[in-house]
Amino acid sequence: MSMQTKLSTLWIFVTLNYLYCDVTGFQDPAMLKQYLAGDLGGLHMTQGFLLATAIFVEIKVSMVLSRLLGTA
Protein backbone atom coordinates (compact mmCIF):
# COMPACT_ATOMS: atom_id res chain seq x y z
CA MET A 1 0.00 0.00 0.00
CA SER A 2 1.44 3.36 -0.99
CA MET A 3 1.94 6.21 1.47
CA GLN A 4 -0.70 8.30 -0.34
CA THR A 5 -3.27 5.52 0.07
CA LYS A 6 -2.40 5.19 3.75
CA LEU A 7 -2.82 8.93 4.30
CA SER A 8 -6.13 8.97 2.42
CA THR A 9 -7.37 6.11 4.55
CA LEU A 10 -6.26 7.93 7.70
CA TRP A 11 -8.15 11.08 6.63
CA ILE A 12 -11.31 9.02 6.07
CA PHE A 13 -10.87 7.41 9.49
CA VAL A 14 -10.45 10.79 11.22
CA THR A 15 -13.44 12.32 9.41
CA LEU A 16 -15.70 9.41 10.31
CA ASN A 17 -14.60 9.73 13.94
CA TYR A 18 -15.55 13.41 13.91
CA LEU A 19 -18.97 12.47 12.54
CA TYR A 20 -19.43 9.74 15.14
CA CYS A 21 -18.52 12.13 17.94
CA ASP A 22 -21.01 14.72 16.68
CA VAL A 23 -23.84 12.22 16.30
CA THR A 24 -23.31 10.71 19.76
CA GLY A 25 -23.02 14.20 21.22
CA PHE A 26 -26.49 15.06 19.93
CA GLN A 27 -27.91 12.07 21.83
CA ASP A 28 -26.94 13.58 25.18
CA PRO A 29 -29.77 15.93 26.26
CA ALA A 30 -27.41 18.29 28.14
CA MET A 31 -25.08 18.56 25.14
CA LEU A 32 -28.02 19.08 22.76
CA LYS A 33 -29.26 22.00 24.87
CA GLN A 34 -25.80 23.57 24.69
CA TYR A 35 -25.67 23.10 20.92
CA LEU A 36 -29.08 24.68 20.49
CA ALA A 37 -28.07 27.60 22.72
CA GLY A 38 -24.93 28.13 20.64
CA ASP A 39 -22.62 27.86 23.63
CA LEU A 40 -20.77 24.59 24.10
CA GLY A 41 -18.77 24.67 27.31
CA GLY A 42 -17.61 28.24 26.80
CA LEU A 43 -17.08 27.82 23.05
CA HIS A 44 -19.42 30.19 21.23
CA MET A 45 -20.72 28.60 18.04
CA THR A 46 -21.15 31.50 15.63
CA GLN A 47 -21.78 31.35 11.89
CA GLY A 48 -18.09 32.06 11.32
CA PHE A 49 -17.09 29.18 13.56
CA LEU A 50 -19.45 26.79 11.76
CA LEU A 51 -18.12 27.97 8.38
CA ALA A 52 -14.52 27.41 9.48
CA THR A 53 -15.27 23.89 10.71
CA ALA A 54 -17.14 23.09 7.50
CA ILE A 55 -14.13 24.25 5.45
CA PHE A 56 -11.84 22.15 7.65
CA VAL A 57 -13.87 19.01 6.98
CA GLU A 58 -14.29 19.76 3.27
CA ILE A 59 -10.53 20.13 2.80
CA LYS A 60 -10.01 16.62 4.18
CA VAL A 61 -12.79 15.18 2.02
CA SER A 62 -11.51 16.90 -1.12
CA MET A 63 -7.97 15.62 -0.45
CA VAL A 64 -9.23 12.04 -0.32
CA LEU A 65 -11.50 12.53 -3.32
CA SER A 66 -8.75 14.07 -5.43
CA ARG A 67 -6.44 11.19 -4.53
CA LEU A 68 -9.03 8.58 -5.42
CA LEU A 69 -9.85 10.32 -8.72
CA GLY A 70 -6.17 10.63 -9.53
CA THR A 71 -6.05 14.43 -9.86
CA ALA A 72 -3.48 14.99 -7.12
PDB file of N, CA and C in Angstrom:
ATOM      1  N   MET A   1       0.852  -1.170   0.000  1.00  0.00           N
ATOM      2  CA  MET A   1       0.000   0.000   0.000  1.00  0.00           C
ATOM      3  C   MET A   1       0.902   1.240   0.000  1.00  0.00           C
ATOM      4  N   SER A   2       0.612   2.165  -0.886  1.00  0.00           N
ATOM      5  CA  SER A   2       1.438   3.362  -0.987  1.00  0.00           C
ATOM      6  C   SER A   2       1.163   4.316   0.173  1.00  0.00           C
ATOM      7  N   MET A   3       2.077   5.229   0.386  1.00  0.00           N
ATOM      8  CA  MET A   3       1.939   6.208   1.467  1.00  0.00           C
ATOM      9  C   MET A   3       0.716   7.097   1.215  1.00  0.00           C
ATOM     10  N   GLN A   4       0.460   7.455  -0.025  1.00  0.00           N
ATOM     11  CA  GLN A   4      -0.702   8.297  -0.339  1.00  0.00           C
ATOM     12  C   GLN A   4      -2.010   7.580   0.012  1.00  0.00           C
ATOM     13  N   THR A   5      -2.076   6.299  -0.260  1.00  0.00           N
ATOM     14  CA  THR A   5      -3.269   5.524   0.072  1.00  0.00           C
ATOM     15  C   THR A   5      -3.436   5.430   1.583  1.00  0.00           C
ATOM     16  N   LYS A   6      -2.338   5.244   2.286  1.00  0.00           N
ATOM     17  CA  LYS A   6      -2.404   5.186   3.747  1.00  0.00           C
ATOM     18  C   LYS A   6      -2.907   6.508   4.319  1.00  0.00           C
ATOM     19  N   LEU A   7      -2.391   7.621   3.800  1.00  0.00           N
ATOM     20  CA  LEU A   7      -2.823   8.928   4.298  1.00  0.00           C
ATOM     21  C   LEU A   7      -4.279   9.195   3.962  1.00  0.00           C
ATOM     22  N   SER A   8      -4.727   8.813   2.779  1.00  0.00           N
ATOM     23  CA  SER A   8      -6.135   8.974   2.416  1.00  0.00           C
ATOM     24  C   SER A   8      -7.023   8.172   3.343  1.00  0.00           C
ATOM     25  N   THR A   9      -6.609   6.958   3.633  1.00  0.00           N
ATOM     26  CA  THR A   9      -7.369   6.112   4.551  1.00  0.00           C
ATOM     27  C   THR A   9      -7.412   6.721   5.942  1.00  0.00           C
ATOM     28  N   LEU A  10      -6.305   7.283   6.385  1.00  0.00           N
ATOM     29  CA  LEU A  10      -6.265   7.932   7.696  1.00  0.00           C
ATOM     30  C   LEU A  10      -7.206   9.129   7.741  1.00  0.00           C
ATOM     31  N   TRP A  11      -7.242   9.940   6.674  1.00  0.00           N
ATOM     32  CA  TRP A  11      -8.152  11.084   6.630  1.00  0.00           C
ATOM     33  C   TRP A  11      -9.604  10.623   6.718  1.00  0.00           C
ATOM     34  N   ILE A  12      -9.949   9.548   6.006  1.00  0.00           N
ATOM     35  CA  ILE A  12     -11.308   9.018   6.069  1.00  0.00           C
ATOM     36  C   ILE A  12     -11.629   8.576   7.499  1.00  0.00           C
ATOM     37  N   PHE A  13     -10.691   7.879   8.121  1.00  0.00           N
ATOM     38  CA  PHE A  13     -10.872   7.412   9.492  1.00  0.00           C
ATOM     39  C   PHE A  13     -11.110   8.583  10.446  1.00  0.00           C
ATOM     40  N   VAL A  14     -10.314   9.627  10.341  1.00  0.00           N
ATOM     41  CA  VAL A  14     -10.453  10.795  11.219  1.00  0.00           C
ATOM     42  C   VAL A  14     -11.797  11.482  10.991  1.00  0.00           C
ATOM     43  N   THR A  15     -12.179  11.655   9.723  1.00  0.00           N
ATOM     44  CA  THR A  15     -13.436  12.323   9.406  1.00  0.00           C
ATOM     45  C   THR A  15     -14.626  11.540   9.943  1.00  0.00           C
ATOM     46  N   LEU A  16     -14.607  10.227   9.786  1.00  0.00           N
ATOM     47  CA  LEU A  16     -15.701   9.410  10.311  1.00  0.00           C
ATOM     48  C   LEU A  16     -15.754   9.459  11.837  1.00  0.00           C
ATOM     49  N   ASN A  17     -14.615   9.584  12.477  1.00  0.00           N
ATOM     50  CA  ASN A  17     -14.601   9.726  13.936  1.00  0.00           C
ATOM     51  C   ASN A  17     -15.197  11.057  14.373  1.00  0.00           C
ATOM     52  N   TYR A  18     -14.913  12.123  13.614  1.00  0.00           N
ATOM     53  CA  TYR A  18     -15.546  13.414  13.910  1.00  0.00           C
ATOM     54  C   TYR A  18     -17.064  13.294  13.798  1.00  0.00           C
ATOM     55  N   LEU A  19     -17.531  12.653  12.736  1.00  0.00           N
ATOM     56  CA  LEU A  19     -18.967  12.470  12.542  1.00  0.00           C
ATOM     57  C   LEU A  19     -19.579  11.661  13.678  1.00  0.00           C
ATOM     58  N   TYR A  20     -18.935  10.579  14.054  1.00  0.00           N
ATOM     59  CA  TYR A  20     -19.433   9.742  15.139  1.00  0.00           C
ATOM     60  C   TYR A  20     -19.538  10.537  16.436  1.00  0.00           C
ATOM     61  N   CYS A  21     -18.523  11.319  16.716  1.00  0.00           N
ATOM     62  CA  CYS A  21     -18.516  12.133  17.937  1.00  0.00           C
ATOM     63  C   CYS A  21     -19.670  13.135  17.916  1.00  0.00           C
ATOM     64  N   ASP A  22     -19.910  13.759  16.777  1.00  0.00           N
ATOM     65  CA  ASP A  22     -21.010  14.721  16.675  1.00  0.00           C
ATOM     66  C   ASP A  22     -22.362  14.050  16.862  1.00  0.00           C
ATOM     67  N   VAL A  23     -22.553  12.913  16.209  1.00  0.00           N
ATOM     68  CA  VAL A  23     -23.841  12.219  16.301  1.00  0.00           C
ATOM     69  C   VAL A  23     -24.099  11.749  17.730  1.00  0.00           C
ATOM     70  N   THR A  24     -23.101  11.166  18.379  1.00  0.00           N
ATOM     71  CA  THR A  24     -23.306  10.708  19.756  1.00  0.00           C
ATOM     72  C   THR A  24     -23.479  11.887  20.701  1.00  0.00           C
ATOM     73  N   GLY A  25     -22.849  13.002  20.396  1.00  0.00           N
ATOM     74  CA  GLY A  25     -23.015  14.201  21.217  1.00  0.00           C
ATOM     75  C   GLY A  25     -24.437  14.725  21.186  1.00  0.00           C
ATOM     76  N   PHE A  26     -25.101  14.601  20.039  1.00  0.00           N
ATOM     77  CA  PHE A  26     -26.486  15.057  19.931  1.00  0.00           C
ATOM     78  C   PHE A  26     -27.446  14.174  20.732  1.00  0.00           C
ATOM     79  N   GLN A  27     -27.040  12.976  21.078  1.00  0.00           N
ATOM     80  CA  GLN A  27     -27.912  12.072  21.825  1.00  0.00           C
ATOM     81  C   GLN A  27     -27.917  12.384  23.324  1.00  0.00           C
ATOM     82  N   ASP A  28     -26.988  13.178  23.772  1.00  0.00           N
ATOM     83  CA  ASP A  28     -26.939  13.579  25.179  1.00  0.00           C
ATOM     84  C   ASP A  28     -27.792  14.837  25.348  1.00  0.00           C
ATOM     85  N   PRO A  29     -28.870  14.783  26.135  1.00  0.00           N
ATOM     86  CA  PRO A  29     -29.773  15.935  26.264  1.00  0.00           C
ATOM     87  C   PRO A  29     -29.063  17.211  26.730  1.00  0.00           C
ATOM     88  N   ALA A  30     -28.116  17.097  27.651  1.00  0.00           N
ATOM     89  CA  ALA A  30     -27.411  18.289  28.136  1.00  0.00           C
ATOM     90  C   ALA A  30     -26.567  18.903  27.025  1.00  0.00           C
ATOM     91  N   MET A  31     -25.898  18.053  26.250  1.00  0.00           N
ATOM     92  CA  MET A  31     -25.084  18.557  25.137  1.00  0.00           C
ATOM     93  C   MET A  31     -25.964  19.178  24.057  1.00  0.00           C
ATOM     94  N   LEU A  32     -27.104  18.554  23.779  1.00  0.00           N
ATOM     95  CA  LEU A  32     -28.016  19.077  22.762  1.00  0.00           C
ATOM     96  C   LEU A  32     -28.515  20.467  23.139  1.00  0.00           C
ATOM     97  N   LYS A  33     -28.824  20.676  24.417  1.00  0.00           N
ATOM     98  CA  LYS A  33     -29.261  21.999  24.869  1.00  0.00           C
ATOM     99  C   LYS A  33     -28.166  23.038  24.648  1.00  0.00           C
ATOM    100  N   GLN A  34     -26.915  22.646  24.901  1.00  0.00           N
ATOM    101  CA  GLN A  34     -25.804  23.572  24.687  1.00  0.00           C
ATOM    102  C   GLN A  34     -25.635  23.886  23.200  1.00  0.00           C
ATOM    103  N   TYR A  35     -25.753  22.869  22.366  1.00  0.00           N
ATOM    104  CA  TYR A  35     -25.667  23.096  20.917  1.00  0.00           C
ATOM    105  C   TYR A  35     -26.745  24.062  20.451  1.00  0.00           C
ATOM    106  N   LEU A  36     -27.964  23.831  20.906  1.00  0.00           N
ATOM    107  CA  LEU A  36     -29.076  24.681  20.487  1.00  0.00           C
ATOM    108  C   LEU A  36     -28.929  26.105  21.002  1.00  0.00           C
ATOM    109  N   ALA A  37     -28.305  26.258  22.167  1.00  0.00           N
ATOM    110  CA  ALA A  37     -28.072  27.598  22.721  1.00  0.00           C
ATOM    111  C   ALA A  37     -26.903  28.297  22.030  1.00  0.00           C
ATOM    112  N   GLY A  38     -26.078  27.533  21.330  1.00  0.00           N
ATOM    113  CA  GLY A  38     -24.934  28.126  20.641  1.00  0.00           C
ATOM    114  C   GLY A  38     -23.729  28.337  21.535  1.00  0.00           C
ATOM    115  N   ASP A  39     -23.726  27.717  22.690  1.00  0.00           N
ATOM    116  CA  ASP A  39     -22.617  27.856  23.629  1.00  0.00           C
ATOM    117  C   ASP A  39     -22.273  26.471  24.165  1.00  0.00           C
ATOM    118  N   LEU A  40     -21.147  25.954  23.746  1.00  0.00           N
ATOM    119  CA  LEU A  40     -20.768  24.591  24.105  1.00  0.00           C
ATOM    120  C   LEU A  40     -19.570  24.639  25.039  1.00  0.00           C
ATOM    121  N   GLY A  41     -19.829  24.651  26.317  1.00  0.00           N
ATOM    122  CA  GLY A  41     -18.766  24.667  27.309  1.00  0.00           C
ATOM    123  C   GLY A  41     -17.845  25.871  27.191  1.00  0.00           C
ATOM    124  N   GLY A  42     -18.411  27.026  26.934  1.00  0.00           N
ATOM    125  CA  GLY A  42     -17.611  28.240  26.803  1.00  0.00           C
ATOM    126  C   GLY A  42     -17.188  28.540  25.374  1.00  0.00           C
ATOM    127  N   LEU A  43     -17.399  27.615  24.464  1.00  0.00           N
ATOM    128  CA  LEU A  43     -17.080  27.819  23.048  1.00  0.00           C
ATOM    129  C   LEU A  43     -18.330  28.344  22.356  1.00  0.00           C
ATOM    130  N   HIS A  44     -18.267  29.575  21.873  1.00  0.00           N
ATOM    131  CA  HIS A  44     -19.417  30.193  21.227  1.00  0.00           C
ATOM    132  C   HIS A  44     -19.468  29.762  19.766  1.00  0.00           C
ATOM    133  N   MET A  45     -20.557  29.116  19.400  1.00  0.00           N
ATOM    134  CA  MET A  45     -20.715  28.602  18.041  1.00  0.00           C
ATOM    135  C   MET A  45     -21.416  29.647  17.188  1.00  0.00           C
ATOM    136  N   THR A  46     -20.619  30.471  16.508  1.00  0.00           N
ATOM    137  CA  THR A  46     -21.150  31.497  15.633  1.00  0.00           C
ATOM    138  C   THR A  46     -21.194  30.971  14.202  1.00  0.00           C
ATOM    139  N   GLN A  47     -21.754  31.754  13.298  1.00  0.00           N
ATOM    140  CA  GLN A  47     -21.782  31.353  11.891  1.00  0.00           C
ATOM    141  C   GLN A  47     -20.370  31.245  11.335  1.00  0.00           C
ATOM    142  N   GLY A  48     -19.483  32.121  11.761  1.00  0.00           N
ATOM    143  CA  GLY A  48     -18.093  32.062  11.323  1.00  0.00           C
ATOM    144  C   GLY A  48     -17.398  30.796  11.785  1.00  0.00           C
ATOM    145  N   PHE A  49     -17.672  30.410  13.021  1.00  0.00           N
ATOM    146  CA  PHE A  49     -17.092  29.180  13.563  1.00  0.00           C
ATOM    147  C   PHE A  49     -17.581  27.969  12.780  1.00  0.00           C
ATOM    148  N   LEU A  50     -18.889  27.920  12.513  1.00  0.00           N
ATOM    149  CA  LEU A  50     -19.446  26.795  11.756  1.00  0.00           C
ATOM    150  C   LEU A  50     -18.901  26.758  10.329  1.00  0.00           C
ATOM    151  N   LEU A  51     -18.708  27.921   9.726  1.00  0.00           N
ATOM    152  CA  LEU A  51     -18.124  27.975   8.382  1.00  0.00           C
ATOM    153  C   LEU A  51     -16.693  27.454   8.397  1.00  0.00           C
ATOM    154  N   ALA A  52     -15.917  27.856   9.390  1.00  0.00           N
ATOM    155  CA  ALA A  52     -14.523  27.409   9.485  1.00  0.00           C
ATOM    156  C   ALA A  52     -14.435  25.897   9.678  1.00  0.00           C
ATOM    157  N   THR A  53     -15.302  25.341  10.513  1.00  0.00           N
ATOM    158  CA  THR A  53     -15.265  23.893  10.710  1.00  0.00           C
ATOM    159  C   THR A  53     -15.733  23.155   9.469  1.00  0.00           C
ATOM    160  N   ALA A  54     -16.693  23.712   8.745  1.00  0.00           N
ATOM    161  CA  ALA A  54     -17.140  23.089   7.498  1.00  0.00           C
ATOM    162  C   ALA A  54     -16.014  23.085   6.466  1.00  0.00           C
ATOM    163  N   ILE A  55     -15.274  24.178   6.378  1.00  0.00           N
ATOM    164  CA  ILE A  55     -14.133  24.246   5.451  1.00  0.00           C
ATOM    165  C   ILE A  55     -13.076  23.234   5.857  1.00  0.00           C
ATOM    166  N   PHE A  56     -12.825  23.116   7.152  1.00  0.00           N
ATOM    167  CA  PHE A  56     -11.841  22.153   7.654  1.00  0.00           C
ATOM    168  C   PHE A  56     -12.190  20.733   7.217  1.00  0.00           C
ATOM    169  N   VAL A  57     -13.447  20.355   7.366  1.00  0.00           N
ATOM    170  CA  VAL A  57     -13.869  19.006   6.980  1.00  0.00           C
ATOM    171  C   VAL A  57     -13.839  18.845   5.463  1.00  0.00           C
ATOM    172  N   GLU A  58     -14.268  19.859   4.724  1.00  0.00           N
ATOM    173  CA  GLU A  58     -14.293  19.763   3.270  1.00  0.00           C
ATOM    174  C   GLU A  58     -12.894  19.645   2.671  1.00  0.00           C
ATOM    175  N   ILE A  59     -11.913  20.258   3.281  1.00  0.00           N
ATOM    176  CA  ILE A  59     -10.530  20.126   2.804  1.00  0.00           C
ATOM    177  C   ILE A  59     -10.092  18.676   2.899  1.00  0.00           C
ATOM    178  N   LYS A  60     -10.395  18.031   4.018  1.00  0.00           N
ATOM    179  CA  LYS A  60     -10.013  16.622   4.178  1.00  0.00           C
ATOM    180  C   LYS A  60     -10.735  15.744   3.159  1.00  0.00           C
ATOM    181  N   VAL A  61     -12.023  15.991   2.969  1.00  0.00           N
ATOM    182  CA  VAL A  61     -12.795  15.183   2.024  1.00  0.00           C
ATOM    183  C   VAL A  61     -12.278  15.396   0.604  1.00  0.00           C
ATOM    184  N   SER A  62     -11.985  16.632   0.242  1.00  0.00           N
ATOM    185  CA  SER A  62     -11.505  16.905  -1.116  1.00  0.00           C
ATOM    186  C   SER A  62     -10.112  16.314  -1.342  1.00  0.00           C
ATOM    187  N   MET A  63      -9.283  16.241  -0.312  1.00  0.00           N
ATOM    188  CA  MET A  63      -7.973  15.617  -0.454  1.00  0.00           C
ATOM    189  C   MET A  63      -8.116  14.131  -0.769  1.00  0.00           C
ATOM    190  N   VAL A  64      -9.008  13.465  -0.071  1.00  0.00           N
ATOM    191  CA  VAL A  64      -9.232  12.044  -0.319  1.00  0.00           C
ATOM    192  C   VAL A  64      -9.850  11.850  -1.700  1.00  0.00           C
ATOM    193  N   LEU A  65     -10.838  12.657  -2.032  1.00  0.00           N
ATOM    194  CA  LEU A  65     -11.503  12.530  -3.322  1.00  0.00           C
ATOM    195  C   LEU A  65     -10.542  12.770  -4.479  1.00  0.00           C
ATOM    196  N   SER A  66      -9.706  13.790  -4.357  1.00  0.00           N
ATOM    197  CA  SER A  66      -8.753  14.074  -5.435  1.00  0.00           C
ATOM    198  C   SER A  66      -7.734  12.937  -5.576  1.00  0.00           C
ATOM    199  N   ARG A  67      -7.371  12.339  -4.471  1.00  0.00           N
ATOM    200  CA  ARG A  67      -6.443  11.191  -4.526  1.00  0.00           C
ATOM    201  C   ARG A  67      -7.092   9.998  -5.207  1.00  0.00           C
ATOM    202  N   LEU A  68      -8.336   9.726  -4.844  1.00  0.00           N
ATOM    203  CA  LEU A  68      -9.033   8.580  -5.423  1.00  0.00           C
ATOM    204  C   LEU A  68      -9.357   8.788  -6.904  1.00  0.00           C
ATOM    205  N   LEU A  69      -9.579  10.034  -7.318  1.00  0.00           N
ATOM    206  CA  LEU A  69      -9.851  10.316  -8.718  1.00  0.00           C
ATOM    207  C   LEU A  69      -8.582  10.500  -9.532  1.00  0.00           C
ATOM    208  N   GLY A  70      -7.456  10.543  -8.851  1.00  0.00           N
ATOM    209  CA  GLY A  70      -6.168  10.632  -9.532  1.00  0.00           C
ATOM    210  C   GLY A  70      -5.794  12.006 -10.031  1.00  0.00           C
ATOM    211  N   THR A  71      -6.355  13.061  -9.420  1.00  0.00           N
ATOM    212  CA  THR A  71      -6.045  14.429  -9.855  1.00  0.00           C
ATOM    213  C   THR A  71      -4.990  15.091  -8.997  1.00  0.00           C
ATOM    214  N   ALA A  72      -4.495  14.381  -7.999  1.00  0.00           N
ATOM    215  CA  ALA A  72      -3.481  14.988  -7.121  1.00  0.00           C
ATOM    216  C   ALA A  72      -2.108  14.414  -7.407  1.00  0.00           C
TER     217      ALA A  72
END
